[in-house]
Amino acid sequence: MRKLLIGLLAALLTTACVADAQTNANNPPRGMLGSKWLGGNLVIYPGDVAGNMYFVDSNNGSDTNGGTSWNDALATIDAAVNKCTASNDDWIVVHPAHTEDLDADSAVDIDVAGVTVYGIRHGRQMPTLDATAAAGDVKLAAAGVTLHNIRITGGIDATTGVIEVSSTDCAVIDCEYRDVTGQATDVLITTAAADRLLIDGFRLFGAAGAGGNSGIALVGADDAEVRNFWLYGNFATGAIDCRTTKSERIHIHSGAIWTENSNDLAVDDNATSSTGFIGPDLMLMLQDDAANVTEAITGATFMVFDPVYVCNAANQKALLINWTAVADS
């Protein structure tokens, strides 16, 4: 009898867990989409999206379509942006096999407030935008714009600001940059209007060779938060660089930086007087085996919160960064 009761209880729990998993898959949290492949087709579960949804697929779409389904998909993200209504919580859903060239300044210009461009991921496959011109970029140019699950590749040398954020309350979530044939000078850059920017889950796979300045350049981006990131490249001015106009009350935490530049600058304030929290949970890998641990974070008005670990040579254990500790007076 006991074994029978245990078996019945296990069956009930399994049924409940499966039902709960199906409920969560079909009803994702607000601000998220669910998706799955069904009969060779990509099916979208819209969750709690208040506005309109437009679909983009370069392989099967056309900019003369309406964009209201995969069968009616548009070919470019910009064509979908042009159909959106400001402050309406409109979403642009991009197929994981979508490709598009960034062949001019503002090649993708998300200039309608409140729009989310959401790339569907299928394993490591995700929508890919290739920078084929030095000025080619994606612009987040209106308030409350979100770029989510988009890969950008550097198909030409010396691109500058492949992602540019120039308005308030924007977000770059789970996006990545890959160096292919050219090293970007700066990958993600802001203007002084990019207050309250959220950069979450950004991955940068750069090049070891010279040519890069920064992975993320914050220009007057007050109250910006950068978290859950991986940045690798040759960063001459700092992997995360505050420049030109000071950024106030920023928060950089929960990430890893690996720089191949002998300046060994992980987080740097070139604007001077930028303020904010650096840490906790940072791992910083430097190039030179030298007395450079303290200088990995350079900014006289930053505040450092441990743990921030710095390593500057292979086959060594990282050291907690050696900043001046607060005095308890």
Protein backbone atom coordinates (compact mmCIF):
# COMPACT_ATOMS: atom_id res chain seq x y z
CA MET A 1 0.00 0.00 0.00
CA ARG A 2 2.82 2.40 0.87
CA LYS A 3 4.53 1.77 -2.48
CA LEU A 4 1.22 2.34 -4.25
CA LEU A 5 0.67 5.67 -2.46
CA ILE A 6 4.23 6.81 -3.21
CA GLY A 7 3.73 5.86 -6.88
CA LEU A 8 0.45 7.78 -7.08
CA LEU A 9 2.02 10.83 -5.40
CA ALA A 10 4.98 10.78 -7.81
CA ALA A 11 2.62 10.54 -10.78
CA LEU A 12 0.58 13.49 -9.51
CA LEU A 13 3.71 15.59 -8.94
CA THR A 14 5.03 14.74 -12.42
CA THR A 15 1.71 15.69 -14.00
CA ALA A 16 1.64 18.95 -12.05
CA CYS A 17 5.23 19.82 -13.02
CA VAL A 18 4.59 19.10 -16.71
CA ALA A 19 1.39 21.17 -16.62
CA ASP A 20 3.22 23.99 -14.87
CA ALA A 21 6.08 23.88 -17.42
CA GLN A 22 3.60 23.98 -20.29
CA THR A 23 1.77 26.90 -18.66
CA ASN A 24 5.03 28.82 -18.25
CA ALA A 25 6.08 28.08 -21.85
CA ASN A 26 2.76 29.20 -23.28
CA ASN A 27 2.38 32.19 -20.96
CA PRO A 28 5.83 33.73 -20.52
CA PRO A 29 6.34 36.64 -18.08
CA ARG A 30 5.41 40.15 -19.12
CA GLY A 31 7.90 41.62 -21.54
CA MET A 32 9.01 38.22 -22.87
CA LEU A 33 8.03 36.00 -25.77
CA GLY A 34 7.78 32.22 -25.88
CA SER A 35 8.61 30.28 -29.05
CA LYS A 36 8.92 26.72 -30.29
CA TRP A 37 9.31 24.81 -33.55
CA LEU A 38 6.13 23.01 -34.60
CA GLY A 39 5.99 21.01 -37.84
CA GLY A 40 8.98 22.92 -39.22
CA ASN A 41 7.39 26.28 -38.39
CA LEU A 42 8.45 28.74 -35.73
CA VAL A 43 5.45 29.43 -33.48
CA ILE A 44 5.36 32.53 -31.26
CA TYR A 45 3.54 32.78 -27.94
CA PRO A 46 3.14 36.53 -27.46
CA GLY A 47 2.79 36.56 -23.68
CA ASP A 48 1.62 39.93 -22.39
CA VAL A 49 2.53 42.24 -25.29
CA ALA A 50 0.10 45.15 -25.33
CA GLY A 51 0.89 46.53 -28.78
CA ASN A 52 1.23 45.19 -32.30
CA MET A 53 3.67 42.48 -33.41
CA TYR A 54 5.56 42.61 -36.70
CA PHE A 55 7.65 39.76 -38.11
CA VAL A 56 10.99 40.02 -39.95
CA ASP A 57 12.66 37.24 -41.97
CA SER A 58 15.18 38.05 -44.70
CA ASN A 59 14.91 34.57 -46.19
CA ASN A 60 11.17 34.56 -46.86
CA GLY A 61 10.04 38.16 -46.34
CA SER A 62 9.53 41.26 -48.44
CA ASP A 63 9.32 44.90 -47.41
CA THR A 64 6.12 45.15 -49.45
CA ASN A 65 4.41 42.73 -47.03
CA GLY A 66 2.35 43.73 -44.04
CA GLY A 67 4.59 42.00 -41.51
CA THR A 68 1.71 40.58 -39.47
CA SER A 69 2.86 36.91 -39.58
CA TRP A 70 5.78 34.76 -40.71
CA ASN A 71 3.97 34.15 -43.99
CA ASP A 72 3.61 37.92 -44.40
CA ALA A 73 7.04 38.80 -42.97
CA LEU A 74 9.06 41.88 -43.80
CA ALA A 75 12.64 41.58 -45.06
CA THR A 76 14.29 44.29 -42.93
CA ILE A 77 14.03 45.54 -39.38
CA ASP A 78 13.79 49.16 -40.54
CA ALA A 79 10.68 48.36 -42.59
CA ALA A 80 9.09 46.96 -39.45
CA VAL A 81 10.09 50.01 -37.39
CA ASN A 82 8.30 52.20 -39.94
CA LYS A 83 5.05 50.35 -39.19
CA CYS A 84 5.25 50.82 -35.42
CA THR A 85 3.33 53.34 -33.33
CA ALA A 86 5.13 55.37 -30.68
CA SER A 87 4.59 54.38 -27.04
CA ASN A 88 2.31 51.48 -28.03
CA ASP A 89 4.52 48.60 -26.77
CA ASP A 90 4.95 47.34 -30.34
CA TRP A 91 7.28 44.35 -30.82
CA ILE A 92 9.35 43.43 -33.87
CA VAL A 93 10.06 39.68 -33.85
CA VAL A 94 13.11 38.64 -35.90
CA HIS A 95 13.65 35.10 -37.22
CA PRO A 96 16.79 33.32 -35.94
CA ALA A 97 18.04 32.80 -39.52
CA HIS A 98 17.56 36.48 -40.43
CA THR A 99 20.59 38.30 -41.85
CA GLU A 100 20.97 41.94 -42.78
CA ASP A 101 23.83 44.26 -43.75
CA LEU A 102 24.67 47.40 -41.82
CA ASP A 103 25.88 49.16 -44.94
CA ALA A 104 25.34 52.81 -43.95
CA ASP A 105 24.93 55.11 -40.98
CA SER A 106 21.57 54.33 -39.32
CA ALA A 107 21.13 51.22 -41.45
CA VAL A 108 18.82 50.04 -38.68
CA ASP A 109 17.27 53.07 -36.99
CA ILE A 110 14.91 52.21 -34.13
CA ASP A 111 13.48 55.71 -33.82
CA VAL A 112 9.95 54.97 -32.56
CA ALA A 113 9.48 55.22 -28.79
CA GLY A 114 8.78 52.07 -26.83
CA VAL A 115 9.57 49.58 -29.60
CA THR A 116 11.19 46.23 -28.78
CA VAL A 117 13.25 44.43 -31.43
CA TYR A 118 13.28 40.83 -30.25
CA GLY A 119 15.44 38.21 -31.95
CA ILE A 120 14.36 34.59 -31.62
CA ARG A 121 17.22 32.31 -30.53
CA HIS A 122 17.52 28.69 -31.62
CA GLY A 123 20.47 27.29 -29.69
CA ARG A 124 23.38 29.53 -30.68
CA GLN A 125 21.62 30.68 -33.84
CA MET A 126 20.27 34.22 -33.61
CA PRO A 127 19.48 37.07 -36.03
CA THR A 128 22.71 38.52 -37.41
CA LEU A 129 23.48 42.03 -38.65
CA ASP A 130 26.82 42.40 -40.46
CA ALA A 131 28.64 45.75 -40.44
CA THR A 132 29.81 46.12 -44.05
CA ALA A 133 30.56 49.87 -43.94
CA ALA A 134 32.70 51.82 -41.48
CA ALA A 135 29.69 53.94 -40.49
CA GLY A 136 27.24 51.03 -40.50
CA ASP A 137 25.33 50.76 -37.24
CA VAL A 138 22.15 50.06 -35.30
CA LYS A 139 20.69 53.12 -33.58
CA LEU A 140 18.48 53.10 -30.50
CA ALA A 141 17.23 56.59 -31.16
CA ALA A 142 13.95 56.90 -29.26
CA ALA A 143 12.98 56.64 -25.62
CA GLY A 144 12.28 53.21 -24.17
CA VAL A 145 13.65 51.20 -27.11
CA THR A 146 14.91 47.64 -26.46
CA LEU A 147 17.28 45.54 -28.58
CA HIS A 148 17.11 41.88 -27.52
CA ASN A 149 18.90 38.74 -28.82
CA ILE A 150 20.63 40.32 -31.82
CA ARG A 151 24.12 39.36 -33.03
CA ILE A 152 26.28 41.93 -34.83
CA THR A 153 29.38 40.94 -36.77
CA GLY A 154 32.26 43.19 -37.80
CA GLY A 155 32.62 42.62 -41.53
CA ILE A 156 34.82 45.65 -42.14
CA ASP A 157 37.72 47.22 -40.27
CA ALA A 158 37.46 50.30 -38.02
CA THR A 159 33.72 50.46 -37.54
CA THR A 160 32.83 53.00 -34.85
CA GLY A 161 29.80 52.68 -32.62
CA VAL A 162 28.21 49.62 -34.24
CA ILE A 163 25.45 49.99 -31.64
CA GLU A 164 24.63 53.61 -30.80
CA VAL A 165 22.23 54.58 -28.01
CA SER A 166 21.03 58.18 -28.16
CA SER A 167 17.87 58.32 -26.04
CA THR A 168 16.64 57.67 -22.52
CA ASP A 169 15.44 54.46 -20.86
CA CYS A 170 16.77 52.11 -23.55
CA ALA A 171 17.95 48.53 -23.06
CA VAL A 172 20.40 46.21 -24.86
CA ILE A 173 19.67 42.68 -23.62
CA ASP A 174 21.46 39.41 -24.48
CA CYS A 175 23.04 40.85 -27.62
CA GLU A 176 26.53 40.07 -28.89
CA TYR A 177 29.26 41.38 -31.16
CA ARG A 178 31.69 39.15 -33.03
CA ASP A 179 34.81 40.28 -34.81
CA VAL A 180 34.95 38.58 -38.23
CA THR A 181 37.16 40.47 -40.66
CA GLY A 182 37.55 43.81 -38.94
CA GLN A 183 38.24 45.18 -35.48
CA ALA A 184 35.65 47.69 -34.27
CA THR A 185 37.11 50.88 -32.83
CA ASP A 186 34.18 51.15 -30.42
CA VAL A 187 31.40 48.57 -30.32
CA LEU A 188 28.60 50.06 -28.21
CA ILE A 189 28.62 53.82 -27.70
CA THR A 190 26.18 56.28 -26.20
CA THR A 191 25.42 59.95 -26.53
CA ALA A 192 24.80 62.19 -23.53
CA ALA A 193 21.06 61.56 -23.93
CA ALA A 194 21.31 57.86 -22.98
CA ASP A 195 20.34 58.20 -19.33
CA ARG A 196 19.12 55.11 -17.44
CA LEU A 197 20.48 52.74 -20.08
CA LEU A 198 20.45 49.03 -19.21
CA ILE A 199 23.06 46.75 -20.81
CA ASP A 200 22.36 43.19 -19.66
CA GLY A 201 24.00 39.99 -20.94
CA PHE A 202 26.17 41.72 -23.58
CA ARG A 203 28.89 39.48 -25.08
CA LEU A 204 31.79 40.86 -27.10
CA PHE A 205 34.13 38.47 -28.91
CA GLY A 206 36.74 40.87 -30.27
CA ALA A 207 40.22 40.57 -31.72
CA ALA A 208 43.58 40.30 -29.98
CA GLY A 209 45.26 42.67 -32.47
CA ALA A 210 45.50 46.42 -32.10
CA GLY A 211 42.79 48.71 -33.42
CA GLY A 212 40.10 48.71 -30.77
CA ASN A 213 39.45 51.45 -28.25
CA SER A 214 36.51 50.24 -26.16
CA GLY A 215 33.83 47.61 -25.92
CA ILE A 216 31.34 49.94 -24.26
CA ALA A 217 31.80 53.72 -24.34
CA LEU A 218 29.55 55.66 -21.97
CA VAL A 219 29.23 59.35 -22.87
CA GLY A 220 27.21 61.20 -20.25
CA ALA A 221 25.00 58.16 -19.62
CA ASP A 222 23.75 58.96 -16.13
CA ASP A 223 22.31 56.08 -14.07
CA ALA A 224 23.40 53.48 -16.64
CA GLU A 225 23.73 49.86 -15.50
CA VAL A 226 26.03 47.28 -17.15
CA ARG A 227 25.66 43.71 -15.85
CA ASN A 228 26.13 40.04 -16.74
CA PHE A 229 28.65 40.77 -19.50
CA TRP A 230 31.67 39.19 -21.23
CA LEU A 231 34.08 41.51 -23.05
CA TYR A 232 37.18 40.27 -24.91
CA GLY A 233 39.35 42.40 -27.17
CA ASN A 234 42.18 44.89 -27.54
CA PHE A 235 40.92 47.88 -25.57
CA ALA A 236 43.31 50.82 -25.81
CA THR A 237 41.14 53.25 -23.82
CA GLY A 238 39.29 50.78 -21.60
CA ALA A 239 36.96 47.85 -22.10
CA ILE A 240 34.28 50.03 -20.48
CA ASP A 241 35.23 53.64 -21.03
CA CYS A 242 33.55 56.77 -19.64
CA ARG A 243 34.51 59.53 -22.03
CA THR A 244 33.86 63.09 -23.27
CA THR A 245 31.02 63.84 -20.81
CA LYS A 246 31.02 62.42 -17.30
CA SER A 247 28.51 59.69 -16.48
CA GLU A 248 27.03 59.88 -13.01
CA ARG A 249 25.77 57.12 -10.69
CA ILE A 250 26.60 54.26 -13.07
CA HIS A 251 26.68 50.66 -11.88
CA ILE A 252 28.98 48.06 -13.47
CA HIS A 253 28.81 44.59 -11.95
CA SER A 254 28.59 40.83 -12.47
CA GLY A 255 30.82 40.46 -15.52
CA ALA A 256 34.18 39.50 -17.00
CA ILE A 257 36.70 41.53 -19.00
CA TRP A 258 39.74 40.16 -20.84
CA THR A 259 41.88 42.84 -22.44
CA GLU A 260 44.75 42.17 -24.85
CA ASN A 261 46.04 45.76 -24.71
CA SER A 262 49.14 46.54 -22.69
CA ASN A 263 47.39 49.54 -21.10
CA ASP A 264 45.48 46.96 -19.05
CA LEU A 265 42.44 49.19 -18.60
CA ALA A 266 39.25 47.33 -17.74
CA VAL A 267 37.02 50.17 -16.50
CA ASP A 268 38.26 53.67 -17.17
CA ASP A 269 37.05 57.25 -16.66
CA ASN A 270 38.51 59.37 -19.44
CA ALA A 271 35.83 62.03 -18.92
CA THR A 272 37.03 62.57 -15.32
CA SER A 273 34.60 62.95 -12.44
CA SER A 274 32.34 60.09 -13.52
CA THR A 275 30.74 58.49 -10.48
CA GLY A 276 29.21 55.15 -9.63
CA PHE A 277 29.54 51.66 -8.23
CA ILE A 278 32.11 49.33 -9.79
CA GLY A 279 31.44 45.76 -8.63
CA PRO A 280 30.63 43.43 -7.08
CA ASP A 281 31.34 40.17 -8.91
CA LEU A 282 33.82 41.33 -11.54
CA MET A 283 36.65 39.24 -13.07
CA LEU A 284 39.33 41.23 -14.89
CA MET A 285 42.09 39.60 -16.98
CA LEU A 286 45.00 41.85 -17.96
CA GLN A 287 47.73 41.36 -20.54
CA ASP A 288 50.95 42.28 -18.72
CA ASP A 289 52.40 40.53 -15.70
CA ALA A 290 53.19 43.82 -13.99
CA ALA A 291 52.23 45.98 -11.01
CA ASN A 292 48.95 46.92 -12.66
CA VAL A 293 46.21 45.35 -10.53
CA THR A 294 45.05 48.56 -8.85
CA GLU A 295 45.08 50.45 -12.18
CA ALA A 296 42.70 47.99 -13.87
CA ILE A 297 39.94 50.32 -12.66
CA THR A 298 40.88 53.95 -13.22
CA GLY A 299 38.58 56.69 -11.99
CA ALA A 300 39.20 58.94 -9.01
CA THR A 301 35.52 59.31 -8.17
CA PHE A 302 34.39 55.70 -8.63
CA MET A 303 33.50 53.50 -5.65
CA VAL A 304 34.63 49.86 -5.75
CA PHE A 305 32.62 47.04 -4.17
CA ASP A 306 34.32 43.67 -3.72
CA PRO A 307 34.65 41.06 -4.92
CA VAL A 308 36.54 42.50 -7.89
CA TYR A 309 39.23 40.00 -8.91
CA VAL A 310 42.17 40.85 -11.16
CA CYS A 311 44.57 38.42 -12.83
CA ASN A 312 47.51 39.46 -15.01
CA ALA A 313 49.26 36.22 -15.88
CA ALA A 314 48.48 32.64 -16.80
CA ASN A 315 48.87 29.95 -14.15
CA GLN A 316 48.15 32.42 -11.34
CA LYS A 317 45.26 32.96 -8.97
CA ALA A 318 43.45 36.29 -9.20
CA LEU A 319 43.94 38.95 -6.55
CA LEU A 320 41.28 41.16 -5.03
CA ILE A 321 41.78 44.64 -6.43
CA ASN A 322 43.84 46.80 -4.12
CA TRP A 323 41.86 50.02 -3.76
CA THR A 324 41.97 52.14 -0.62
CA ALA A 325 39.52 50.73 1.89
CA VAL A 326 36.93 52.88 3.63
CA ALA A 327 38.11 54.06 7.06
CA ASP A 328 35.71 53.53 9.95
CA SER A 329 36.09 56.71 11.95
